[in-house]
């Protein structure tokens, strides 16, 4: 599963819109959409996502190109 797929699936499981989820993560809805569609987040956004998901940036970075699932 890629990072974008993970973010999108988690957001949908929480029944949140992109605007709502982006607000919780403290990023813009546009940036969230880009990530969900495969864009690589920058270091700052990756840290914010890691904080929200209670993980480290290395784990999220590994997901960026993971297409195994």
N, C-alpha and C. Protein backbone atom coordinates (compact mmCIF):
# COMPACT_ATOMS: atom_id res chain seq x y z
N UNK A 1 0.86 -1.18 0.00
CA UNK A 1 0.00 0.00 0.00
C UNK A 1 0.90 1.24 0.00
N UNK A 2 0.61 2.16 -0.86
CA UNK A 2 1.39 3.40 -0.91
C UNK A 2 0.95 4.34 0.21
N UNK A 3 1.75 5.35 0.43
CA UNK A 3 1.40 6.35 1.44
C UNK A 3 0.07 7.02 1.09
N UNK A 4 -0.10 7.37 -0.16
CA UNK A 4 -1.34 8.02 -0.59
C UNK A 4 -2.56 7.15 -0.34
N UNK A 5 -2.43 5.86 -0.64
CA UNK A 5 -3.53 4.93 -0.40
C UNK A 5 -3.82 4.80 1.09
N UNK A 6 -2.75 4.73 1.88
CA UNK A 6 -2.92 4.63 3.33
C UNK A 6 -3.63 5.85 3.89
N UNK A 7 -3.21 7.02 3.46
CA UNK A 7 -3.83 8.27 3.94
C UNK A 7 -5.30 8.30 3.52
N UNK A 8 -5.58 8.02 2.26
CA UNK A 8 -6.96 8.05 1.76
C UNK A 8 -7.84 7.03 2.50
N UNK A 9 -7.35 5.81 2.64
CA UNK A 9 -8.14 4.77 3.32
C UNK A 9 -8.40 5.13 4.77
N UNK A 10 -7.39 5.66 5.44
CA UNK A 10 -7.57 6.06 6.84
C UNK A 10 -8.59 7.19 6.95
N UNK A 11 -8.48 8.16 6.07
CA UNK A 11 -9.43 9.29 6.08
C UNK A 11 -10.85 8.79 5.86
N UNK A 12 -11.02 7.90 4.90
CA UNK A 12 -12.35 7.38 4.61
C UNK A 12 -12.88 6.51 5.74
N UNK A 13 -12.00 5.72 6.37
CA UNK A 13 -12.41 4.91 7.52
C UNK A 13 -12.91 5.79 8.66
N UNK A 14 -12.33 6.98 8.77
CA UNK A 14 -12.74 7.93 9.81
C UNK A 14 -13.94 8.77 9.37
N UNK A 15 -14.40 8.54 8.14
CA UNK A 15 -15.54 9.28 7.57
C UNK A 15 -15.31 10.79 7.58
N UNK A 16 -14.10 11.17 7.19
CA UNK A 16 -13.73 12.59 7.14
C UNK A 16 -13.57 13.03 5.70
N UNK A 17 -13.92 14.27 5.43
CA UNK A 17 -13.65 14.86 4.13
C UNK A 17 -12.17 15.23 4.07
N UNK A 18 -11.70 15.56 2.88
CA UNK A 18 -10.31 16.01 2.77
C UNK A 18 -10.08 17.27 3.59
N UNK A 19 -11.05 18.16 3.59
CA UNK A 19 -10.91 19.41 4.34
C UNK A 19 -10.80 19.12 5.84
N UNK A 20 -11.65 18.23 6.34
CA UNK A 20 -11.63 17.90 7.77
C UNK A 20 -10.33 17.20 8.17
N UNK A 21 -9.92 16.24 7.36
CA UNK A 21 -8.71 15.49 7.67
C UNK A 21 -7.47 16.39 7.58
N UNK A 22 -7.42 17.22 6.54
CA UNK A 22 -6.29 18.14 6.38
C UNK A 22 -6.18 19.06 7.59
N UNK A 23 -7.30 19.51 8.09
CA UNK A 23 -7.31 20.38 9.26
C UNK A 23 -6.72 19.66 10.48
N UNK A 24 -7.06 18.40 10.65
CA UNK A 24 -6.53 17.63 11.78
C UNK A 24 -5.02 17.42 11.67
N UNK A 25 -4.55 17.22 10.44
CA UNK A 25 -3.12 16.99 10.22
C UNK A 25 -2.35 18.31 10.16
N UNK A 26 -3.07 19.39 9.94
CA UNK A 26 -2.49 20.74 9.85
C UNK A 26 -1.76 20.96 8.52
N UNK A 27 -2.40 20.48 7.43
CA UNK A 27 -1.92 20.75 6.08
C UNK A 27 -3.10 21.27 5.26
N UNK A 28 -2.83 21.74 4.07
CA UNK A 28 -3.93 22.25 3.24
C UNK A 28 -4.65 21.09 2.55
N UNK A 29 -5.93 21.28 2.26
CA UNK A 29 -6.67 20.24 1.53
C UNK A 29 -6.04 19.94 0.16
N UNK A 30 -5.50 20.94 -0.48
CA UNK A 30 -4.84 20.73 -1.78
C UNK A 30 -3.65 19.80 -1.62
N UNK A 31 -2.84 20.04 -0.59
CA UNK A 31 -1.67 19.19 -0.35
C UNK A 31 -2.10 17.77 -0.01
N UNK A 32 -3.16 17.62 0.77
CA UNK A 32 -3.68 16.30 1.10
C UNK A 32 -4.10 15.57 -0.17
N UNK A 33 -4.80 16.25 -1.04
CA UNK A 33 -5.22 15.65 -2.31
C UNK A 33 -4.02 15.19 -3.12
N UNK A 34 -2.98 16.01 -3.17
CA UNK A 34 -1.77 15.65 -3.92
C UNK A 34 -1.14 14.38 -3.34
N UNK A 35 -1.08 14.29 -2.02
CA UNK A 35 -0.50 13.12 -1.36
C UNK A 35 -1.35 11.88 -1.66
N UNK A 36 -2.66 12.02 -1.54
CA UNK A 36 -3.55 10.89 -1.81
C UNK A 36 -3.43 10.42 -3.26
N UNK A 37 -3.00 11.30 -4.14
CA UNK A 37 -2.85 10.95 -5.55
C UNK A 37 -1.41 10.61 -5.93
N UNK A 38 -0.56 10.40 -4.93
CA UNK A 38 0.78 9.88 -5.18
C UNK A 38 1.94 10.82 -5.05
N UNK A 39 1.70 12.09 -4.74
CA UNK A 39 2.81 13.04 -4.59
C UNK A 39 3.58 12.75 -3.30
N UNK A 40 4.88 12.94 -3.37
CA UNK A 40 5.73 12.77 -2.19
C UNK A 40 5.66 14.02 -1.33
N UNK A 41 5.27 13.86 -0.06
CA UNK A 41 5.24 15.04 0.81
C UNK A 41 6.65 15.46 1.18
N UNK A 42 6.81 16.76 1.43
CA UNK A 42 8.09 17.28 1.90
C UNK A 42 8.32 16.86 3.34
N UNK A 43 9.50 17.19 3.84
CA UNK A 43 9.90 16.77 5.19
C UNK A 43 8.94 17.27 6.26
N UNK A 44 8.52 18.54 6.15
CA UNK A 44 7.62 19.10 7.17
C UNK A 44 6.28 18.39 7.18
N UNK A 45 5.71 18.17 6.00
CA UNK A 45 4.40 17.50 5.90
C UNK A 45 4.54 16.05 6.35
N UNK A 46 5.64 15.41 6.00
CA UNK A 46 5.87 14.03 6.43
C UNK A 46 5.91 13.94 7.95
N UNK A 47 6.56 14.92 8.60
CA UNK A 47 6.59 14.96 10.07
C UNK A 47 5.19 15.13 10.65
N UNK A 48 4.38 16.00 10.03
CA UNK A 48 3.02 16.21 10.51
C UNK A 48 2.18 14.94 10.37
N UNK A 49 2.34 14.25 9.24
CA UNK A 49 1.62 12.99 9.04
C UNK A 49 2.09 11.94 10.06
N UNK A 50 3.39 11.85 10.27
CA UNK A 50 3.93 10.89 11.23
C UNK A 50 3.39 11.17 12.63
N UNK A 51 3.32 12.42 12.99
CA UNK A 51 2.79 12.79 14.30
C UNK A 51 1.32 12.37 14.41
N UNK A 52 0.54 12.64 13.37
CA UNK A 52 -0.88 12.28 13.39
C UNK A 52 -1.05 10.76 13.49
N UNK A 53 -0.27 10.01 12.71
CA UNK A 53 -0.40 8.56 12.70
C UNK A 53 0.39 7.88 13.81
N UNK A 54 1.06 8.67 14.63
CA UNK A 54 1.84 8.15 15.76
C UNK A 54 2.87 7.12 15.30
N UNK A 55 3.64 7.52 14.32
CA UNK A 55 4.71 6.69 13.78
C UNK A 55 5.90 7.58 13.45
N UNK A 56 6.90 7.02 12.82
CA UNK A 56 8.06 7.82 12.45
C UNK A 56 8.07 8.09 10.95
N UNK A 57 8.85 9.06 10.56
CA UNK A 57 8.88 9.45 9.15
C UNK A 57 9.47 8.35 8.28
N UNK A 58 10.38 7.54 8.80
CA UNK A 58 10.98 6.46 8.01
C UNK A 58 9.91 5.45 7.58
N UNK A 59 9.00 5.15 8.47
CA UNK A 59 7.91 4.22 8.15
C UNK A 59 7.06 4.77 7.03
N UNK A 60 6.71 6.04 7.12
CA UNK A 60 5.89 6.66 6.07
C UNK A 60 6.67 6.78 4.77
N UNK A 61 7.93 7.14 4.87
CA UNK A 61 8.76 7.27 3.67
C UNK A 61 8.85 5.94 2.93
N UNK A 62 8.91 4.83 3.67
CA UNK A 62 8.98 3.50 3.05
C UNK A 62 7.71 3.17 2.28
N UNK A 63 6.60 3.78 2.70
CA UNK A 63 5.31 3.52 2.05
C UNK A 63 5.17 4.26 0.73
N UNK A 64 5.93 5.28 0.51
CA UNK A 64 5.77 6.13 -0.66
C UNK A 64 5.78 5.33 -1.95
N UNK A 65 6.73 4.42 -2.08
CA UNK A 65 6.85 3.65 -3.32
C UNK A 65 6.43 2.20 -3.18
N UNK A 66 5.86 1.84 -2.05
CA UNK A 66 5.46 0.45 -1.82
C UNK A 66 4.16 0.16 -2.56
N UNK A 67 4.23 -0.72 -3.52
CA UNK A 67 3.05 -1.08 -4.29
C UNK A 67 2.72 -2.57 -4.10
N UNK A 68 3.22 -3.16 -3.01
CA UNK A 68 3.08 -4.59 -2.80
C UNK A 68 1.68 -5.03 -2.38
N UNK A 69 0.91 -4.14 -1.79
CA UNK A 69 -0.43 -4.54 -1.33
C UNK A 69 -1.51 -4.00 -2.23
